[in-house]
Amino acid sequence: MPRRPTRHRQLLKPRPLTFSAFSRSVAQLVSSYMAKRQMQDSKLHRESSSKSAGNKVFKHTLEEKNEQYESSSDEEFEGVVQADFAFFDPKPNDFHGVKTLLQTYLDNKQWDLSGFVDLILGQTTVGTVVKVEGDEDDGVFSVVTALNLQRYKDHKCIVEFKEFLLKACQEEDVVDDLRSVLGEQAQNVGLLVSQRVVNLPPQLLPPLYDALFDEISWAVEDEPTEDLRNSFRFNFYILVSKIYKHKNADPRKKLSNDSDEAIIYTKPEDEIFHKISLWSFSFPLHAQQPSTHELRNYRFMGLVMAVEADKIATFRQELKSLINES
C-alpha cells in the first residue's frame, strides 16, 4: 500500500481537554505542576532536520504559564509561543527525549527503561515522535508506538514489564485474562505506548493516532518477511496509563460532592479507551503526585486496559468527534 503522507498547517489555540469543567480545572493545575517536573528531568539532545519531506507539520499557538515555585525569583511568566510540530520516524538520537517522557511509565519501578526505549527507537516502520519543525535544539514532545509482546518477549524490559503488571493486578476477575494476553496470546498483542508532555495541543491527537494505526496496517502488508508482517496483526492492545480516582469511587457510595467525578483521566483519549476496553484494572501509584485542594479526595492510580483491535475504528472516530466538539 503506497504511503502518501500530506502536510497540514493549522493555527490552533490549545487548551486543557477533558470531559467536564471540573476535570478541566484540575487538568490545568496538574499540567502546571507536571510541566515543570518534566522540564527539569534532563536536557534533551535532538536532530534539527526531518528525514523525509513527507513529515506532517502542524502549526500551533502554545500558551505557556511557567511558575517559579522554589527559585530565587518570584516572577511569573505568561507568554504565547508559536510552534510548528512535525511527525518523525524514531531515531537513535531521540533516546534522551523519549526516556524522559517514559520516566514514570511503570510508576517508580527500577527496570530496564533504557532497553525499552531502544526497542521503541529500533522499530522505525511503526512509531512516531513529535518535535518542533526546524528547531536546532528541539525536544521530543510525544512518542507513540505499538510493540508486539511475543516478538520482544526475551528482552529484559518486556520480562520486567510483564512481571510489573502481574504483581500490580489484584483483581481476581481480571488476572487470568491478563496472564493470557501476556502469555499464550502474546503473539497477537500490541503494547500501545503513548506518552507526551502535558501541554501538547490536543488537536494533534487524531492525526497522531491515525498515523500509528495506518502504519500498523501498512506494516502488515509491507514488512519484508512473513514473521514481521504477522507481528503487526494485532487482536488486542494493552495500554498503561494514569488516572485520578475518587476515594469514594464505589457504586455503593455517594461522592462527597455532586460536581466530583469518579475518575479524572490524565489523557482525554483514555476515557474512550476505557469505555471500549474488554477489561481493565487500576492499582495505586507511589510516584510523587501534585498536592492540590482540588485533588484532596483523589488517589493517583495506574490504569491498565485491554482493547480489542476491531474497536480501534470506533476509537478513532470518537477521538475526532471529541476534539472537534471541544
Protein backbone atom coordinates (compact mmCIF):
# COMPACT_ATOMS: atom_id res chain seq x y z
CA MET A 1 0.00 0.00 0.00
CA PRO A 2 1.64 3.28 -1.06
CA ARG A 3 2.22 5.84 1.62
CA ARG A 4 1.38 9.37 0.67
CA PRO A 5 1.70 11.49 3.81
CA THR A 6 0.46 15.03 3.45
CA ARG A 7 1.49 18.21 5.19
CA HIS A 8 -1.05 20.14 7.22
CA ARG A 9 -0.63 23.65 8.58
CA GLN A 10 -3.14 24.93 11.11
CA LEU A 11 -3.25 27.76 13.63
CA LEU A 12 -4.96 26.40 16.72
CA LYS A 13 -5.33 27.53 20.29
CA PRO A 14 -4.73 24.59 22.64
CA ARG A 15 -6.45 24.26 25.98
CA PRO A 16 -6.83 21.59 28.65
CA LEU A 17 -9.07 18.93 27.14
CA THR A 18 -11.11 16.69 29.41
CA PHE A 19 -14.75 15.82 29.71
CA SER A 20 -16.08 18.32 32.22
CA ALA A 21 -15.45 21.75 33.70
CA PHE A 22 -14.22 20.21 36.95
CA SER A 23 -11.77 17.91 35.19
CA ARG A 24 -10.51 20.76 33.03
CA SER A 25 -9.75 22.88 36.07
CA VAL A 26 -7.88 20.02 37.72
CA ALA A 27 -6.03 19.26 34.50
CA GLN A 28 -4.82 22.85 34.32
CA LEU A 29 -3.38 22.62 37.83
CA VAL A 30 -1.81 19.25 37.20
CA SER A 31 -0.37 20.43 33.87
CA SER A 32 1.39 23.36 35.51
CA TYR A 33 2.96 21.05 38.09
CA MET A 34 3.91 18.23 35.75
CA ALA A 35 5.33 20.51 33.04
CA LYS A 36 7.89 21.87 35.46
CA ARG A 37 8.78 18.34 36.60
CA GLN A 38 9.31 17.15 33.03
CA MET A 39 11.39 20.18 32.05
CA GLN A 40 13.73 19.51 34.97
CA ASP A 41 14.28 15.82 34.23
CA SER A 42 17.05 16.23 31.66
CA LYS A 43 18.46 18.34 28.88
CA LEU A 44 17.27 16.89 25.61
CA HIS A 45 19.51 16.45 22.57
CA ARG A 46 17.71 16.50 19.24
CA GLU A 47 18.12 16.45 15.49
CA SER A 48 17.11 19.64 13.72
CA SER A 49 16.06 18.40 10.29
CA SER A 50 13.47 15.89 9.13
CA LYS A 51 14.45 12.67 7.36
CA SER A 52 11.63 12.85 4.85
CA ALA A 53 9.86 15.64 3.03
CA GLY A 54 6.63 13.79 3.81
CA ASN A 55 6.58 14.59 7.52
CA LYS A 56 3.34 16.13 8.70
CA VAL A 57 3.62 19.63 10.11
CA PHE A 58 1.09 21.30 12.41
CA LYS A 59 1.26 24.98 13.36
CA HIS A 60 0.03 25.86 16.83
CA THR A 61 -0.05 28.73 19.25
CA LEU A 62 1.15 27.50 22.60
CA GLU A 63 0.08 29.37 25.69
CA GLU A 64 2.56 28.74 28.45
CA LYS A 65 2.49 29.68 32.09
CA ASN A 66 5.68 28.85 33.93
CA GLU A 67 5.62 29.34 37.68
CA GLN A 68 8.91 29.71 39.54
CA TYR A 69 7.96 27.57 42.53
CA GLU A 70 11.16 27.46 44.53
CA SER A 71 13.56 29.59 42.54
CA SER A 72 15.27 32.75 43.69
CA SER A 73 12.87 34.75 41.54
CA ASP A 74 9.21 35.26 42.29
CA GLU A 75 8.47 36.35 38.75
CA GLU A 76 5.78 34.53 36.80
CA PHE A 77 5.98 34.33 33.02
CA GLU A 78 2.93 34.08 30.83
CA GLY A 79 3.51 34.01 27.13
CA VAL A 80 2.44 32.75 23.75
CA VAL A 81 4.81 30.62 21.70
CA GLN A 82 4.02 29.68 18.11
CA ALA A 83 5.43 26.34 17.05
CA ASP A 84 5.28 24.04 14.03
CA PHE A 85 5.02 20.47 15.28
CA ALA A 86 6.18 17.72 12.95
CA PHE A 87 5.85 13.94 12.98
CA PHE A 88 9.11 11.99 12.61
CA ASP A 89 10.22 8.38 12.47
CA PRO A 90 12.00 7.45 15.72
CA LYS A 91 15.80 7.74 15.55
CA PRO A 92 18.61 6.80 17.94
CA ASN A 93 19.31 10.43 18.85
CA ASP A 94 15.76 10.68 20.25
CA PHE A 95 16.87 8.42 23.11
CA HIS A 96 17.12 11.03 25.88
CA GLY A 97 13.86 12.74 24.99
CA VAL A 98 11.86 9.51 24.79
CA LYS A 99 13.40 8.21 28.00
CA THR A 100 12.40 11.43 29.78
CA LEU A 101 8.79 11.05 28.63
CA LEU A 102 8.74 7.44 29.89
CA GLN A 103 10.49 8.08 33.20
CA THR A 104 7.45 7.13 35.30
CA TYR A 105 5.81 4.78 32.79
CA LEU A 106 5.93 1.95 35.35
CA ASP A 107 5.48 4.18 38.40
CA ASN A 108 8.74 4.37 40.37
CA LYS A 109 9.89 0.85 39.44
CA GLN A 110 13.58 0.36 38.70
CA TRP A 111 13.59 -1.52 35.41
CA ASP A 112 15.35 -1.67 32.06
CA LEU A 113 13.88 1.58 30.78
CA SER A 114 16.87 2.19 28.51
CA GLY A 115 16.30 -1.18 26.83
CA PHE A 116 12.61 -0.33 26.43
CA VAL A 117 13.48 2.96 24.73
CA ASP A 118 15.90 1.13 22.44
CA LEU A 119 13.04 -1.18 21.31
CA ILE A 120 10.85 1.83 20.53
CA LEU A 121 13.57 3.62 18.57
CA GLY A 122 14.61 0.47 16.74
CA GLN A 123 11.12 -0.07 15.32
CA THR A 124 11.02 2.65 12.67
CA THR A 125 8.23 1.31 10.46
CA VAL A 126 5.64 1.71 13.24
CA GLY A 127 6.00 4.59 15.66
CA THR A 128 6.14 8.37 15.72
CA VAL A 129 7.87 11.09 17.69
CA VAL A 130 6.64 14.69 17.70
CA LYS A 131 9.14 17.54 17.62
CA VAL A 132 9.23 21.19 16.66
CA GLU A 133 9.97 21.68 12.98
CA GLY A 134 13.22 23.50 12.21
CA ASP A 135 14.40 23.98 15.80
CA GLU A 136 18.09 23.25 16.22
CA ASP A 137 17.58 22.15 19.81
CA ASP A 138 14.06 20.78 19.68
CA GLY A 139 12.91 18.21 22.22
CA VAL A 140 10.64 15.19 21.89
CA PHE A 141 7.13 16.31 22.80
CA SER A 142 5.38 12.99 22.23
CA VAL A 143 6.03 9.36 21.36
CA VAL A 144 3.53 6.76 20.22
CA THR A 145 4.14 3.18 19.10
CA ALA A 146 2.92 -0.42 19.38
CA LEU A 147 5.28 -3.26 20.32
CA ASN A 148 4.46 -6.94 19.81
CA LEU A 149 4.81 -8.67 23.18
CA GLN A 150 5.81 -12.02 21.64
CA ARG A 151 8.38 -10.57 19.25
CA TYR A 152 10.24 -8.91 22.12
CA LYS A 153 9.42 -11.45 24.86
CA ASP A 154 13.05 -12.31 25.64
CA HIS A 155 14.14 -8.72 26.18
CA LYS A 156 14.76 -7.86 29.82
CA CYS A 157 12.49 -4.80 29.69
CA ILE A 158 9.50 -6.82 28.43
CA VAL A 159 10.07 -9.55 31.01
CA GLU A 160 10.12 -6.88 33.73
CA PHE A 161 7.09 -5.14 32.23
CA LYS A 162 5.05 -8.36 32.42
CA GLU A 163 6.19 -9.01 35.98
CA PHE A 164 5.16 -5.50 36.97
CA LEU A 165 1.63 -5.87 35.56
CA LEU A 166 1.08 -9.29 37.12
CA LYS A 167 2.19 -8.00 40.50
CA ALA A 168 0.09 -4.84 40.18
CA CYS A 169 -3.12 -6.70 39.26
CA GLN A 170 -5.03 -7.56 42.43
CA GLU A 171 -8.41 -8.13 40.76
CA GLU A 172 -9.23 -11.83 40.66
CA ASP A 173 -11.72 -11.48 37.80
CA VAL A 174 -9.05 -9.91 35.58
CA VAL A 175 -5.77 -11.63 36.44
CA ASP A 176 -6.45 -14.73 34.29
CA ASP A 177 -7.21 -12.53 31.27
CA LEU A 178 -4.03 -10.58 31.94
CA ARG A 179 -1.93 -13.75 32.12
CA SER A 180 -3.47 -14.89 28.85
CA VAL A 181 -2.62 -11.74 26.85
CA LEU A 182 0.88 -11.68 28.34
CA GLY A 183 1.37 -15.38 27.64
CA GLU A 184 -0.34 -17.63 25.12
CA GLN A 185 -1.98 -14.76 23.20
CA ALA A 186 1.10 -12.52 23.21
CA GLN A 187 1.85 -13.08 19.52
CA ASN A 188 -1.24 -11.04 18.67
CA VAL A 189 -0.96 -8.42 21.43
CA GLY A 190 0.45 -4.95 20.88
CA LEU A 191 1.69 -2.84 23.77
CA LEU A 192 0.37 0.59 22.80
CA VAL A 193 2.76 3.18 24.24
CA SER A 194 1.61 6.80 24.14
CA GLN A 195 3.43 9.39 26.24
CA ARG A 196 3.67 13.15 25.78
CA VAL A 197 4.26 16.43 27.53
CA VAL A 198 1.15 17.58 29.34
CA ASN A 199 0.68 20.77 27.32
CA LEU A 200 0.88 19.24 23.85
CA PRO A 201 -2.03 20.68 21.82
CA PRO A 202 -4.88 18.13 21.86
CA GLN A 203 -5.59 18.90 18.21
CA LEU A 204 -2.55 16.75 17.39
CA LEU A 205 -4.11 13.63 18.88
CA PRO A 206 -6.32 12.45 15.96
CA PRO A 207 -3.56 12.67 13.32
CA LEU A 208 -1.05 11.17 15.75
CA TYR A 209 -3.20 8.10 16.41
CA ASP A 210 -4.21 7.93 12.74
CA ALA A 211 -0.52 7.78 11.86
CA LEU A 212 0.03 4.92 14.30
CA PHE A 213 -2.84 2.74 13.15
CA ASP A 214 -2.19 3.49 9.48
CA GLU A 215 1.42 2.42 9.91
CA ILE A 216 0.30 -0.81 11.56
CA SER A 217 -1.93 -1.53 8.54
CA TRP A 218 0.92 -0.76 6.17
CA ALA A 219 3.35 -2.94 8.12
CA VAL A 220 1.03 -5.94 7.78
CA GLU A 221 1.42 -5.59 4.00
CA ASP A 222 4.86 -4.04 3.55
CA GLU A 223 7.25 -5.66 6.02
CA PRO A 224 9.85 -7.78 4.19
CA THR A 225 9.25 -11.11 5.96
CA GLU A 226 6.14 -13.04 6.91
CA ASP A 227 7.17 -13.11 10.56
CA LEU A 228 7.45 -9.33 10.67
CA ARG A 229 4.16 -8.85 8.84
CA ASN A 230 2.44 -11.21 11.26
CA SER A 231 3.92 -9.39 14.24
CA PHE A 232 1.67 -6.44 13.46
CA ARG A 233 -1.54 -8.49 13.10
CA PHE A 234 -2.83 -7.42 16.49
CA ASN A 235 -6.01 -8.78 18.04
CA PHE A 236 -5.59 -6.78 21.24
CA TYR A 237 -3.79 -3.73 22.53
CA ILE A 238 -2.58 -3.32 26.10
CA LEU A 239 -2.34 0.23 27.45
CA VAL A 240 -0.82 1.51 30.68
CA SER A 241 -1.85 4.97 31.82
CA LYS A 242 -2.56 7.09 34.90
CA ILE A 243 -5.77 8.43 36.39
CA TYR A 244 -7.05 10.22 39.47
CA LYS A 245 -9.66 8.03 41.13
CA HIS A 246 -12.05 9.40 43.72
CA LYS A 247 -11.58 7.87 47.17
CA ASN A 248 -15.31 7.09 47.21
CA ALA A 249 -15.45 5.83 43.62
CA ASP A 250 -17.66 2.92 44.58
CA PRO A 251 -21.18 2.48 43.17
CA ARG A 252 -22.38 1.72 46.71
CA LYS A 253 -21.14 5.07 48.00
CA LYS A 254 -22.16 8.60 47.13
CA LEU A 255 -19.43 11.02 46.12
CA SER A 256 -18.82 13.81 48.60
CA ASN A 257 -19.71 16.49 46.06
CA ASP A 258 -22.09 16.31 43.15
CA SER A 259 -19.51 18.05 40.95
CA ASP A 260 -16.85 15.44 41.75
CA GLU A 261 -16.13 12.75 39.19
CA ALA A 262 -15.29 9.14 39.91
CA ILE A 263 -12.28 9.24 37.56
CA ILE A 264 -10.20 12.08 36.14
CA TYR A 265 -8.19 10.95 33.11
CA THR A 266 -4.75 12.47 32.65
CA LYS A 267 -5.11 11.97 28.88
CA PRO A 268 -8.53 12.62 27.32
CA GLU A 269 -8.32 9.71 24.88
CA ASP A 270 -8.02 7.31 27.81
CA GLU A 271 -11.68 7.77 28.67
CA ILE A 272 -12.54 6.48 25.20
CA PHE A 273 -10.13 3.58 25.51
CA HIS A 274 -11.55 2.79 28.94
CA LYS A 275 -15.11 2.84 27.68
CA ILE A 276 -14.42 0.42 24.81
CA SER A 277 -11.95 -1.80 26.71
CA LEU A 278 -12.61 -5.52 27.07
CA TRP A 279 -11.31 -5.41 30.64
CA SER A 280 -9.26 -3.12 32.83
CA PHE A 281 -7.85 -2.75 36.31
CA SER A 282 -6.37 0.05 38.40
CA PHE A 283 -3.62 -0.01 41.02
CA PRO A 284 -2.10 2.52 43.43
CA LEU A 285 0.95 4.52 42.35
CA HIS A 286 3.89 5.51 44.50
CA ALA A 287 5.36 8.24 42.29
CA GLN A 288 5.02 11.81 43.55
CA GLN A 289 1.75 13.46 42.58
CA PRO A 290 0.55 17.08 42.69
CA SER A 291 -0.88 18.12 46.04
CA THR A 292 -3.76 20.49 45.38
CA HIS A 293 -7.03 21.36 47.03
CA GLU A 294 -8.94 20.04 44.01
CA LEU A 295 -7.28 16.64 44.27
CA ARG A 296 -7.67 16.16 48.02
CA ASN A 297 -10.35 13.48 47.52
CA TYR A 298 -8.49 11.63 44.76
CA ARG A 299 -5.87 8.90 44.61
CA PHE A 300 -3.20 8.78 41.92
CA MET A 301 -3.67 5.39 40.24
CA GLY A 302 -2.29 3.34 37.40
CA LEU A 303 -4.77 2.08 34.80
CA VAL A 304 -4.25 -0.96 32.59
CA MET A 305 -6.67 -1.58 29.72
CA ALA A 306 -7.11 -4.29 27.10
CA VAL A 307 -8.73 -3.04 23.89
CA GLU A 308 -9.77 -5.29 21.03
CA ALA A 309 -8.25 -4.32 17.69
CA ASP A 310 -11.65 -4.28 16.00
CA LYS A 311 -12.68 -1.44 18.34
CA ILE A 312 -9.96 0.88 17.06
CA ALA A 313 -12.12 2.29 14.26
CA THR A 314 -14.63 3.33 16.91
CA PHE A 315 -11.86 4.90 18.96
CA ARG A 316 -10.56 6.93 16.02
CA GLN A 317 -13.99 8.28 15.21
CA GLU A 318 -14.83 9.16 18.79
CA LEU A 319 -11.48 10.87 19.28
CA LYS A 320 -12.06 13.07 16.22
CA SER A 321 -15.54 13.94 17.48
CA LEU A 322 -14.17 14.81 20.90
CA ILE A 323 -11.54 17.18 19.51
CA ASN A 324 -13.94 18.77 17.02
CA GLU A 325 -16.56 19.42 19.69
CA SER A 326 -14.15 20.86 22.25
